[in-house]
């Protein structure tokens, strides 16, 4: 009898120990699990600390954090700060580029209406650059990021997450959602609503101005701050979740919740469309037509074939021993004694070839964007619109491809969706660059790279269609 009790006791102890070992293995922080030697990691099992400075709410509690880990926590917190700061800096640079248009002959020769639209756009850009609008939102976003960094301290993290099957292996469970308390949603939206409104007004004003589009810099994307409002039950202007969990059988985007009690639904979208005015339905139908146009290979395939030619030509540019003839050097912003590559002299033929192949697609993308902005029904889609502004402003080819032919954007850079900062070159004394012009498209056509989009695995895999068609499916609320 005693041995049996001992065995039961050991089993219970083993279960607790096994639970403790798992307590500090939050999958969201897997790169910093205990056991690595090259970076600071979380505790192997929860321990009580009294000297935590970055997450002091866990002092004198059993947690997975310790003070030496704070160098890693601080590094990633500064990373989020730099993302936010870089968006404002790029917008300031964009405004300077826009203001240069005002000194151009095109501006002087333009009509009073066009000049008025230009001035309104500049005012809207200035609003977004005003700390009175962005500082409260940025502070709240940083609080959110800091809270998520401290989430790694929680040994009971499983209580806050929902697991879903891995797409490629349904037997493997991964974190699919973190259950965010409603208070954080309200606090975020309360701090960012005014800034999001200013960002949306800026974007609309930029779209309305033909003069602003002559700026050599690309507009910075602030859509992330216009989509923070919670979709809770009770709102009238957007589709919301159910007020209480219900059982549905016709979910297409989240089919794993069919025949289960959940907060999602599909049928209310049909009622919303049916109850809308003929004008709203017409705007919706036009938006769907414009999205369908962008999905048409007749428009995107020629452009998508030309862009890989451009990229291939830039990859081959690395073979040129006389590369200095084709570049222009500029002083490094932080050290004027250091010269870096600021521009590649692109031959006009590549510009004409790129624009000739992408103009129709860029027009379709711009028409799609305007139609989406015009439709209140479309804004109820649960997916975000895909950004195709790059194809309406081909300066991005120089800034992103020509100056960074070997770049591999990381996940944060892709999410940030901003121009990639110029990578500083080695200091080159007494060099100012050359005046020769390089033709990336011509060189790409000569290369051995497969630049024909129609034969690429990208199209067969539906890379473009996957992004936009997902939005289209979410938009199709009347079916």
Protein backbone atom coordinates (compact mmCIF):
# COMPACT_ATOMS: atom_id res chain seq x y z
CA UNK A 1 0.00 0.00 0.00
CA UNK A 2 2.80 2.39 0.94
CA UNK A 3 4.72 1.61 -2.27
CA UNK A 4 1.56 2.31 -4.27
CA UNK A 5 1.19 5.71 -2.58
CA UNK A 6 4.85 6.45 -3.25
CA UNK A 7 4.35 5.57 -6.92
CA UNK A 8 1.30 7.83 -7.16
CA UNK A 9 3.24 10.62 -5.46
CA UNK A 10 6.13 10.26 -7.91
CA UNK A 11 3.73 10.32 -10.84
CA UNK A 12 2.10 13.50 -9.55
CA UNK A 13 5.50 15.11 -9.00
CA UNK A 14 6.59 14.08 -12.52
CA UNK A 15 3.48 15.67 -14.03
CA UNK A 16 4.18 18.93 -12.21
CA UNK A 17 7.82 18.94 -13.29
CA UNK A 18 6.82 18.21 -16.89
CA UNK A 19 4.36 21.07 -16.71
CA UNK A 20 7.07 23.39 -15.38
CA UNK A 21 9.42 22.45 -18.20
CA UNK A 22 6.75 23.43 -20.71
CA UNK A 23 5.89 26.63 -18.85
CA UNK A 24 8.80 28.61 -20.25
CA UNK A 25 8.49 27.25 -23.79
CA UNK A 26 6.03 29.73 -25.26
CA UNK A 27 6.14 29.11 -29.05
CA UNK A 28 5.95 32.86 -29.70
CA UNK A 29 9.42 33.15 -28.19
CA UNK A 30 10.88 29.85 -29.40
CA UNK A 31 14.24 31.31 -30.60
CA UNK A 32 14.96 32.25 -26.98
CA UNK A 33 14.10 28.98 -25.27
CA UNK A 34 16.50 27.77 -22.64
CA UNK A 35 19.48 25.78 -23.84
CA UNK A 36 21.16 28.10 -26.36
CA UNK A 37 24.61 29.50 -25.72
CA UNK A 38 24.86 32.31 -28.27
CA UNK A 39 21.98 34.47 -26.96
CA UNK A 40 20.26 35.15 -23.66
CA UNK A 41 17.30 32.84 -23.10
CA UNK A 42 14.30 32.43 -20.80
CA UNK A 43 14.55 30.35 -17.64
CA UNK A 44 14.35 26.58 -18.07
CA UNK A 45 11.57 26.52 -15.45
CA UNK A 46 9.74 29.41 -13.75
CA UNK A 47 11.68 31.13 -10.99
CA UNK A 48 11.11 34.06 -8.66
CA UNK A 49 13.07 37.22 -9.46
CA UNK A 50 13.16 40.56 -7.65
CA UNK A 51 15.30 42.69 -9.97
CA UNK A 52 13.35 42.77 -13.25
CA UNK A 53 13.38 46.29 -14.68
CA UNK A 54 11.66 45.92 -18.05
CA UNK A 55 8.82 43.68 -16.84
CA UNK A 56 8.68 44.61 -13.13
CA UNK A 57 5.11 43.36 -12.82
CA UNK A 58 6.64 39.87 -12.63
CA UNK A 59 8.93 40.65 -9.70
CA UNK A 60 8.32 38.38 -6.70
CA UNK A 61 6.25 36.10 -8.92
CA UNK A 62 7.18 32.80 -10.49
CA UNK A 63 8.08 33.74 -14.08
CA UNK A 64 10.26 32.80 -17.03
CA UNK A 65 12.19 36.08 -17.17
CA UNK A 66 15.45 37.12 -15.55
CA UNK A 67 17.47 40.30 -15.66
CA UNK A 68 20.16 39.17 -18.08
CA UNK A 69 17.44 38.41 -20.66
CA UNK A 70 16.55 42.10 -20.67
CA UNK A 71 19.25 42.93 -23.21
CA UNK A 72 17.37 40.78 -25.73
CA UNK A 73 14.00 42.19 -24.73
CA UNK A 74 15.30 45.73 -25.09
CA UNK A 75 16.78 44.96 -28.49
CA UNK A 76 13.44 43.83 -29.89
CA UNK A 77 11.59 46.70 -28.25
CA UNK A 78 13.97 49.15 -29.95
CA UNK A 79 13.29 47.31 -33.20
CA UNK A 80 9.59 48.17 -32.92
CA UNK A 81 10.49 51.77 -32.07
CA UNK A 82 12.67 51.99 -35.16
CA UNK A 83 9.85 50.71 -37.38
CA UNK A 84 7.53 53.46 -36.17
CA UNK A 85 10.21 56.13 -36.30
CA UNK A 86 11.26 55.16 -39.81
CA UNK A 87 7.72 55.61 -41.08
CA UNK A 88 7.68 59.24 -39.92
CA UNK A 89 11.17 59.88 -41.28
CA UNK A 90 10.23 58.43 -44.67
CA UNK A 91 7.07 60.53 -44.73
CA UNK A 92 9.13 63.66 -44.00
CA UNK A 93 11.43 62.72 -46.86
CA UNK A 94 8.39 62.17 -49.07
CA UNK A 95 7.04 65.62 -48.14
CA UNK A 96 10.36 67.20 -49.11
CA UNK A 97 10.13 65.41 -52.45
CA UNK A 98 6.57 66.67 -52.90
CA UNK A 99 7.61 70.25 -52.13
CA UNK A 100 10.20 70.08 -54.90
CA UNK A 101 7.32 69.69 -57.35
CA UNK A 102 6.11 73.16 -56.35
CA UNK A 103 9.28 74.63 -57.89
CA UNK A 104 8.78 72.77 -61.16
CA UNK A 105 7.54 74.08 -64.48
CA UNK A 106 4.68 71.60 -64.36
CA UNK A 107 3.36 73.21 -61.18
CA UNK A 108 3.63 76.74 -62.60
CA UNK A 109 1.80 75.69 -65.76
CA UNK A 110 -0.93 73.78 -63.92
CA UNK A 111 -4.47 75.00 -63.36
CA UNK A 112 -5.59 76.67 -60.10
CA UNK A 113 -7.65 73.57 -59.28
CA UNK A 114 -4.63 71.30 -59.61
CA UNK A 115 -2.57 73.66 -57.46
CA UNK A 116 -5.32 73.69 -54.85
CA UNK A 117 -5.38 69.87 -54.77
CA UNK A 118 -1.60 69.94 -54.37
CA UNK A 119 -1.80 72.39 -51.45
CA UNK A 120 -4.49 70.30 -49.75
CA UNK A 121 -2.32 67.18 -50.07
CA UNK A 122 0.63 69.02 -48.52
CA UNK A 123 -1.59 70.13 -45.63
CA UNK A 124 -2.73 66.55 -45.06
CA UNK A 125 0.85 65.27 -45.10
CA UNK A 126 1.78 67.97 -42.58
CA UNK A 127 -1.06 66.83 -40.33
CA UNK A 128 0.26 63.27 -40.27
CA UNK A 129 3.72 64.59 -39.42
CA UNK A 130 2.31 66.51 -36.44
CA UNK A 131 3.34 64.84 -33.14
CA UNK A 132 0.03 65.97 -31.67
CA UNK A 133 -1.59 63.24 -33.80
CA UNK A 134 1.01 60.49 -34.10
CA UNK A 135 2.71 60.67 -30.68
CA UNK A 136 -0.29 59.41 -28.63
CA UNK A 137 -0.82 56.54 -31.08
CA UNK A 138 2.87 55.66 -31.25
CA UNK A 139 3.10 55.64 -27.46
CA UNK A 140 0.16 53.27 -27.25
CA UNK A 141 1.57 50.96 -29.92
CA UNK A 142 4.86 50.82 -28.02
CA UNK A 143 2.96 49.96 -24.85
CA UNK A 144 1.27 47.15 -26.77
CA UNK A 145 4.64 45.91 -28.06
CA UNK A 146 6.16 46.13 -24.57
CA UNK A 147 3.24 44.15 -23.16
CA UNK A 148 3.74 41.44 -25.76
CA UNK A 149 7.47 41.27 -25.02
CA UNK A 150 6.64 40.81 -21.33
CA UNK A 151 4.15 38.10 -22.29
CA UNK A 152 7.18 35.83 -22.59
CA UNK A 153 7.51 35.97 -18.80
CA UNK A 154 4.17 34.22 -18.26
CA UNK A 155 4.45 30.56 -17.26
CA UNK A 156 0.68 30.14 -17.75
CA UNK A 157 0.80 31.42 -21.33
CA UNK A 158 -1.38 28.54 -22.59
CA UNK A 159 -4.40 30.12 -20.93
CA UNK A 160 -4.18 33.07 -23.32
CA UNK A 161 -3.72 31.40 -26.70
CA UNK A 162 -5.79 29.35 -29.12
CA UNK A 163 -4.16 26.52 -31.02
CA UNK A 164 -5.01 25.62 -34.62
CA UNK A 165 -3.77 22.76 -36.83
CA UNK A 166 -0.72 23.46 -38.95
CA UNK A 167 -1.84 23.88 -42.56
CA UNK A 168 0.66 21.35 -43.93
CA UNK A 169 0.25 18.88 -41.06
CA UNK A 170 -3.09 18.87 -39.19
CA UNK A 171 -1.55 16.67 -36.48
CA UNK A 172 0.68 19.57 -35.41
CA UNK A 173 -0.91 22.32 -33.32
CA UNK A 174 0.40 25.89 -33.56
CA UNK A 175 -0.69 29.15 -31.99
CA UNK A 176 -3.29 30.70 -34.27
CA UNK A 177 -4.57 33.48 -32.05
CA UNK A 178 -3.78 35.33 -28.85
CA UNK A 179 -6.88 36.23 -26.84
CA UNK A 180 -6.55 39.99 -26.44
CA UNK A 181 -8.52 41.65 -23.66
CA UNK A 182 -11.10 44.15 -24.89
CA UNK A 183 -9.53 46.95 -22.85
CA UNK A 184 -6.39 46.87 -25.02
CA UNK A 185 -8.47 47.20 -28.17
CA UNK A 186 -10.31 50.23 -26.80
CA UNK A 187 -7.10 51.84 -25.54
CA UNK A 188 -5.36 51.31 -28.87
CA UNK A 189 -8.24 52.70 -30.90
CA UNK A 190 -8.75 55.61 -28.51
CA UNK A 191 -5.12 56.66 -28.97
CA UNK A 192 -4.90 56.00 -32.73
CA UNK A 193 -8.33 56.96 -34.09
CA UNK A 194 -7.45 60.62 -34.75
CA UNK A 195 -4.10 59.70 -36.29
CA UNK A 196 -5.73 57.02 -38.44
CA UNK A 197 -8.26 59.56 -39.70
CA UNK A 198 -5.48 61.98 -40.61
CA UNK A 199 -3.60 59.20 -42.42
CA UNK A 200 -6.71 58.26 -44.41
CA UNK A 201 -7.33 61.92 -45.32
CA UNK A 202 -3.72 62.24 -46.45
CA UNK A 203 -3.97 59.19 -48.66
CA UNK A 204 -7.17 60.40 -50.31
CA UNK A 205 -5.68 63.85 -50.91
CA UNK A 206 -2.57 62.33 -52.50
CA UNK A 207 -4.72 60.21 -54.81
CA UNK A 208 -6.64 63.33 -55.84
CA UNK A 209 -3.56 65.34 -56.83
CA UNK A 210 -1.88 64.73 -60.18
CA UNK A 211 0.93 67.12 -59.22
CA UNK A 212 1.81 65.22 -56.04
CA UNK A 213 2.25 62.06 -58.10
CA UNK A 214 5.25 63.71 -59.79
CA UNK A 215 7.26 63.47 -56.56
CA UNK A 216 10.30 61.24 -56.90
CA UNK A 217 9.65 59.53 -53.55
CA UNK A 218 6.88 57.03 -52.81
CA UNK A 219 4.04 57.73 -50.40
CA UNK A 220 4.43 56.04 -47.01
CA UNK A 221 1.72 53.52 -46.14
CA UNK A 222 -0.16 54.25 -42.89
CA UNK A 223 -3.11 51.91 -43.48
CA UNK A 224 -2.06 49.95 -40.41
CA UNK A 225 -3.36 52.83 -38.26
CA UNK A 226 -6.76 52.97 -39.95
CA UNK A 227 -7.66 49.34 -39.24
CA UNK A 228 -7.41 49.18 -35.45
CA UNK A 229 -11.10 49.47 -34.65
CA UNK A 230 -12.49 46.30 -33.04
CA UNK A 231 -15.19 44.43 -34.97
CA UNK A 232 -17.34 43.82 -31.91
CA UNK A 233 -21.06 43.32 -32.09
CA UNK A 234 -23.15 46.49 -32.04
CA UNK A 235 -21.47 48.63 -34.70
CA UNK A 236 -23.55 49.63 -37.73
CA UNK A 237 -20.92 50.83 -40.20
CA UNK A 238 -18.90 47.59 -40.44
CA UNK A 239 -19.50 43.88 -40.20
CA UNK A 240 -19.00 42.57 -36.66
CA UNK A 241 -18.65 39.30 -34.84
CA UNK A 242 -21.68 37.67 -33.21
CA UNK A 243 -22.84 39.05 -29.87
CA UNK A 244 -22.66 35.52 -28.41
CA UNK A 245 -21.12 32.32 -29.84
CA UNK A 246 -23.32 30.55 -32.36
CA UNK A 247 -23.06 27.45 -34.54
CA UNK A 248 -22.56 28.07 -38.28
CA UNK A 249 -22.18 25.59 -41.14
CA UNK A 250 -21.32 27.85 -44.10
CA UNK A 251 -18.05 29.55 -43.10
CA UNK A 252 -15.64 29.59 -46.05
CA UNK A 253 -12.68 31.60 -44.74
CA UNK A 254 -12.51 29.85 -41.35
CA UNK A 255 -14.09 26.46 -42.13
CA UNK A 256 -12.42 24.84 -39.11
CA UNK A 257 -15.12 26.55 -37.01
CA UNK A 258 -18.08 25.13 -38.95
CA UNK A 259 -20.43 23.10 -36.72
CA UNK A 260 -18.70 24.57 -33.66
CA UNK A 261 -19.80 27.34 -31.36
CA UNK A 262 -17.92 30.40 -32.64
CA UNK A 263 -18.15 34.17 -33.04
CA UNK A 264 -17.96 34.22 -36.85
CA UNK A 265 -20.77 34.21 -39.38
CA UNK A 266 -21.42 34.60 -43.07
CA UNK A 267 -25.17 35.05 -43.52
CA UNK A 268 -25.37 38.52 -42.01
CA UNK A 269 -23.19 39.81 -44.85
CA UNK A 270 -25.85 38.80 -47.36
CA UNK A 271 -28.49 40.74 -45.43
CA UNK A 272 -26.21 43.77 -45.28
CA UNK A 273 -25.75 43.76 -49.06
CA UNK A 274 -29.44 43.13 -49.73
CA UNK A 275 -30.46 45.98 -47.45
CA UNK A 276 -28.05 48.46 -49.01
CA UNK A 277 -29.07 51.09 -51.55
CA UNK A 278 -28.75 50.52 -55.34
CA UNK A 279 -25.95 53.11 -55.41
CA UNK A 280 -23.98 51.20 -52.76
CA UNK A 281 -24.52 47.93 -54.59
CA UNK A 282 -23.36 49.54 -57.83
CA UNK A 283 -20.20 50.83 -56.14
CA UNK A 284 -19.60 47.34 -54.78
CA UNK A 285 -20.03 45.75 -58.22
CA UNK A 286 -17.66 48.27 -59.79
CA UNK A 287 -15.04 47.50 -57.14
CA UNK A 288 -15.34 43.77 -57.83
CA UNK A 289 -14.93 44.44 -61.56
CA UNK A 290 -11.78 46.49 -60.90
CA UNK A 291 -10.32 43.76 -58.69
CA UNK A 292 -11.09 41.22 -61.42
CA UNK A 293 -9.24 43.43 -63.91
CA UNK A 294 -6.12 43.44 -61.72
CA UNK A 295 -6.32 39.64 -61.52
CA UNK A 296 -6.41 39.38 -65.31
CA UNK A 297 -3.05 38.06 -66.66
CA UNK A 298 -3.61 40.18 -69.77
CA UNK A 299 -2.76 43.19 -67.59
CA UNK A 300 -0.33 41.94 -64.96
CA UNK A 301 1.65 39.31 -66.91
CA UNK A 302 3.44 41.78 -69.28
CA UNK A 303 4.45 43.93 -66.30
CA UNK A 304 5.39 40.93 -64.20
CA UNK A 305 7.61 39.67 -67.02
CA UNK A 306 9.35 43.02 -67.39
CA UNK A 307 10.09 43.43 -63.68
CA UNK A 308 12.05 40.13 -63.49
CA UNK A 309 14.00 41.27 -66.56
CA UNK A 310 14.90 44.45 -64.69
CA UNK A 311 15.89 42.43 -61.60
CA UNK A 312 17.90 39.99 -63.72
CA UNK A 313 19.74 42.88 -65.34
CA UNK A 314 20.61 44.30 -61.93
CA UNK A 315 21.89 40.93 -60.72
CA UNK A 316 24.13 40.80 -63.80
CA UNK A 317 25.32 44.34 -63.05
CA UNK A 318 27.56 42.78 -60.41
CA UNK A 319 29.64 41.30 -63.26
CA UNK A 320 30.72 44.75 -64.53
CA UNK A 321 34.29 45.71 -63.58
CA UNK A 322 33.62 49.28 -64.77
CA UNK A 323 30.60 49.70 -62.53
CA UNK A 324 31.77 53.11 -61.30
CA UNK A 325 30.87 54.59 -64.69
CA UNK A 326 27.19 53.93 -64.00
CA UNK A 327 26.71 55.16 -60.45
CA UNK A 328 26.52 58.50 -58.68
CA UNK A 329 27.98 58.92 -55.23
CA UNK A 330 26.50 61.10 -52.52
CA UNK A 331 27.78 62.02 -49.05
CA UNK A 332 26.62 59.81 -46.22
CA UNK A 333 23.95 61.66 -44.23
CA UNK A 334 25.70 61.14 -40.88
CA UNK A 335 29.24 61.66 -42.20
CA UNK A 336 29.76 63.90 -45.22
CA UNK A 337 33.32 62.59 -45.64
CA UNK A 338 31.99 59.18 -46.58
CA UNK A 339 30.70 58.68 -50.11
CA UNK A 340 27.98 56.09 -50.79
CA UNK A 341 26.05 55.07 -53.88
CA UNK A 342 22.98 57.26 -54.05
CA UNK A 343 21.84 56.62 -57.61
CA UNK A 344 22.35 54.24 -60.50
CA UNK A 345 22.20 55.98 -63.87
CA UNK A 346 19.45 54.04 -65.62
CA UNK A 347 19.25 54.23 -69.39
CA UNK A 348 16.02 55.77 -70.67
CA UNK A 349 15.26 52.64 -72.68
CA UNK A 350 14.72 50.63 -69.49
CA UNK A 351 12.35 53.28 -68.15
CA UNK A 352 10.33 53.24 -71.37
CA UNK A 353 10.27 49.45 -71.50
CA UNK A 354 9.20 49.18 -67.86
CA UNK A 355 6.51 51.80 -68.18
CA UNK A 356 5.31 50.45 -71.50
CA UNK A 357 4.79 47.02 -69.93
CA UNK A 358 3.36 48.25 -66.60
CA UNK A 359 1.34 51.35 -67.50
CA UNK A 360 -1.91 49.49 -68.23
CA UNK A 361 -1.53 47.35 -65.11
CA UNK A 362 -0.71 50.40 -63.00
CA UNK A 363 -3.83 52.15 -64.31
CA UNK A 364 -5.96 49.12 -63.45
CA UNK A 365 -4.43 48.98 -59.96
CA UNK A 366 -5.15 52.69 -59.41
CA UNK A 367 -8.74 52.26 -60.64
CA UNK A 368 -9.16 49.29 -58.29
CA UNK A 369 -7.89 51.28 -55.33
CA UNK A 370 -10.20 54.22 -56.03
CA UNK A 371 -13.19 51.89 -56.47
CA UNK A 372 -12.44 50.17 -53.16
CA UNK A 373 -12.22 53.53 -51.39
CA UNK A 374 -15.58 54.53 -52.89
CA UNK A 375 -17.47 51.46 -51.68
CA UNK A 376 -18.70 51.25 -48.09
CA UNK A 377 -19.70 47.62 -48.65
CA UNK A 378 -16.23 46.66 -49.79
CA UNK A 379 -14.77 48.09 -46.58
CA UNK A 380 -16.63 45.34 -44.70
CA UNK A 381 -14.27 42.73 -46.12
CA UNK A 382 -12.36 40.86 -43.44
CA UNK A 383 -9.11 40.97 -45.43
CA UNK A 384 -7.01 44.04 -46.20
CA UNK A 385 -6.62 45.41 -49.70
CA UNK A 386 -3.36 44.50 -51.42
CA UNK A 387 -1.14 47.50 -52.15
CA UNK A 388 -0.18 47.89 -55.83
CA UNK A 389 1.00 51.52 -55.65
CA UNK A 390 4.46 50.35 -56.68
CA UNK A 391 3.15 49.76 -60.20
CA UNK A 392 1.80 53.30 -60.48
CA UNK A 393 5.13 54.89 -59.47
CA UNK A 394 7.99 53.04 -61.13
CA UNK A 395 10.64 54.98 -59.20
CA UNK A 396 10.43 52.05 -56.79
CA UNK A 397 12.26 49.89 -59.34
CA UNK A 398 15.34 52.08 -58.98
CA UNK A 399 15.09 52.55 -55.21
CA UNK A 400 14.24 48.95 -54.35
CA UNK A 401 15.67 46.74 -57.11
CA UNK A 402 18.53 48.72 -58.67
CA UNK A 403 20.03 49.83 -55.35
CA UNK A 404 19.41 46.47 -53.62
CA UNK A 405 19.68 43.66 -56.21
CA UNK A 406 20.63 41.02 -53.63
CA UNK A 407 18.36 42.15 -50.81
CA UNK A 408 16.16 39.65 -48.97
CA UNK A 409 13.57 41.59 -46.93
CA UNK A 410 12.82 40.07 -43.56
CA UNK A 411 9.30 39.66 -42.24
CA UNK A 412 9.21 42.99 -40.44
CA UNK A 413 10.36 44.86 -43.56
CA UNK A 414 7.65 43.19 -45.62
CA UNK A 415 5.04 44.09 -43.01
CA UNK A 416 6.32 47.64 -42.83
CA UNK A 417 5.91 47.89 -46.60
CA UNK A 418 8.22 50.88 -46.85
CA UNK A 419 11.16 51.58 -49.13
CA UNK A 420 14.32 49.75 -48.13
CA UNK A 421 16.91 52.14 -46.76
CA UNK A 422 19.98 52.68 -48.94
CA UNK A 423 22.74 50.38 -47.80
CA UNK A 424 25.93 52.34 -47.28
CA UNK A 425 28.88 51.35 -49.43
CA UNK A 426 32.56 51.19 -48.53
CA UNK A 427 34.18 54.62 -48.42
CA UNK A 428 35.67 55.46 -51.83
CA UNK A 429 38.03 58.41 -51.72
CA UNK A 430 38.07 60.94 -54.57
CA UNK A 431 35.20 59.22 -56.36
CA UNK A 432 32.12 61.06 -57.61
CA UNK A 433 30.83 58.35 -59.94
CA UNK A 434 30.37 58.28 -63.69
CA UNK A 435 27.96 59.48 -66.34
CA UNK A 436 27.36 56.23 -68.23
CA UNK A 437 23.85 54.79 -68.19
CA UNK A 438 22.96 51.17 -67.50
CA UNK A 439 19.96 49.38 -68.99
CA UNK A 440 18.73 46.72 -66.54
CA UNK A 441 15.91 45.53 -68.81
CA UNK A 442 18.15 45.09 -71.87
CA UNK A 443 20.73 43.26 -69.80
CA UNK A 444 18.03 41.15 -68.18
CA UNK A 445 16.69 40.09 -71.58
CA UNK A 446 20.21 38.96 -72.51
CA UNK A 447 20.61 37.01 -69.26
CA UNK A 448 19.94 33.34 -68.69
CA UNK A 449 17.30 33.96 -66.04
CA UNK A 450 13.78 32.77 -66.78
CA UNK A 451 11.98 36.11 -66.73
CA UNK A 452 8.85 35.02 -68.61
CA UNK A 453 6.15 35.34 -65.98
CA UNK A 454 3.71 33.02 -67.77
CA UNK A 455 6.17 30.14 -67.43
CA UNK A 456 7.17 30.88 -63.86
CA UNK A 457 6.11 28.80 -60.91
CA UNK A 458 4.97 32.05 -59.31
CA UNK A 459 1.94 32.29 -61.56
CA UNK A 460 1.19 28.57 -61.48
CA UNK A 461 1.15 28.87 -57.70
CA UNK A 462 -1.12 31.86 -57.95
CA UNK A 463 1.07 34.22 -55.89
CA UNK A 464 -0.75 37.30 -57.10
CA UNK A 465 -4.14 35.60 -57.24
CA UNK A 466 -3.76 34.28 -53.73
CA UNK A 467 -3.35 37.75 -52.26
CA UNK A 468 -6.04 39.57 -54.20
CA UNK A 469 -8.48 36.70 -54.67
CA UNK A 470 -8.60 36.25 -50.91
CA UNK A 471 -9.77 39.83 -50.68
CA UNK A 472 -12.21 39.22 -53.52
CA UNK A 473 -13.73 36.23 -51.73
CA UNK A 474 -14.08 38.26 -48.58
CA UNK A 475 -15.72 41.04 -50.59
CA UNK A 476 -18.30 38.79 -52.19
CA UNK A 477 -20.78 39.39 -49.42
CA UNK A 478 -23.94 39.09 -51.49
CA UNK A 479 -23.49 35.40 -52.16
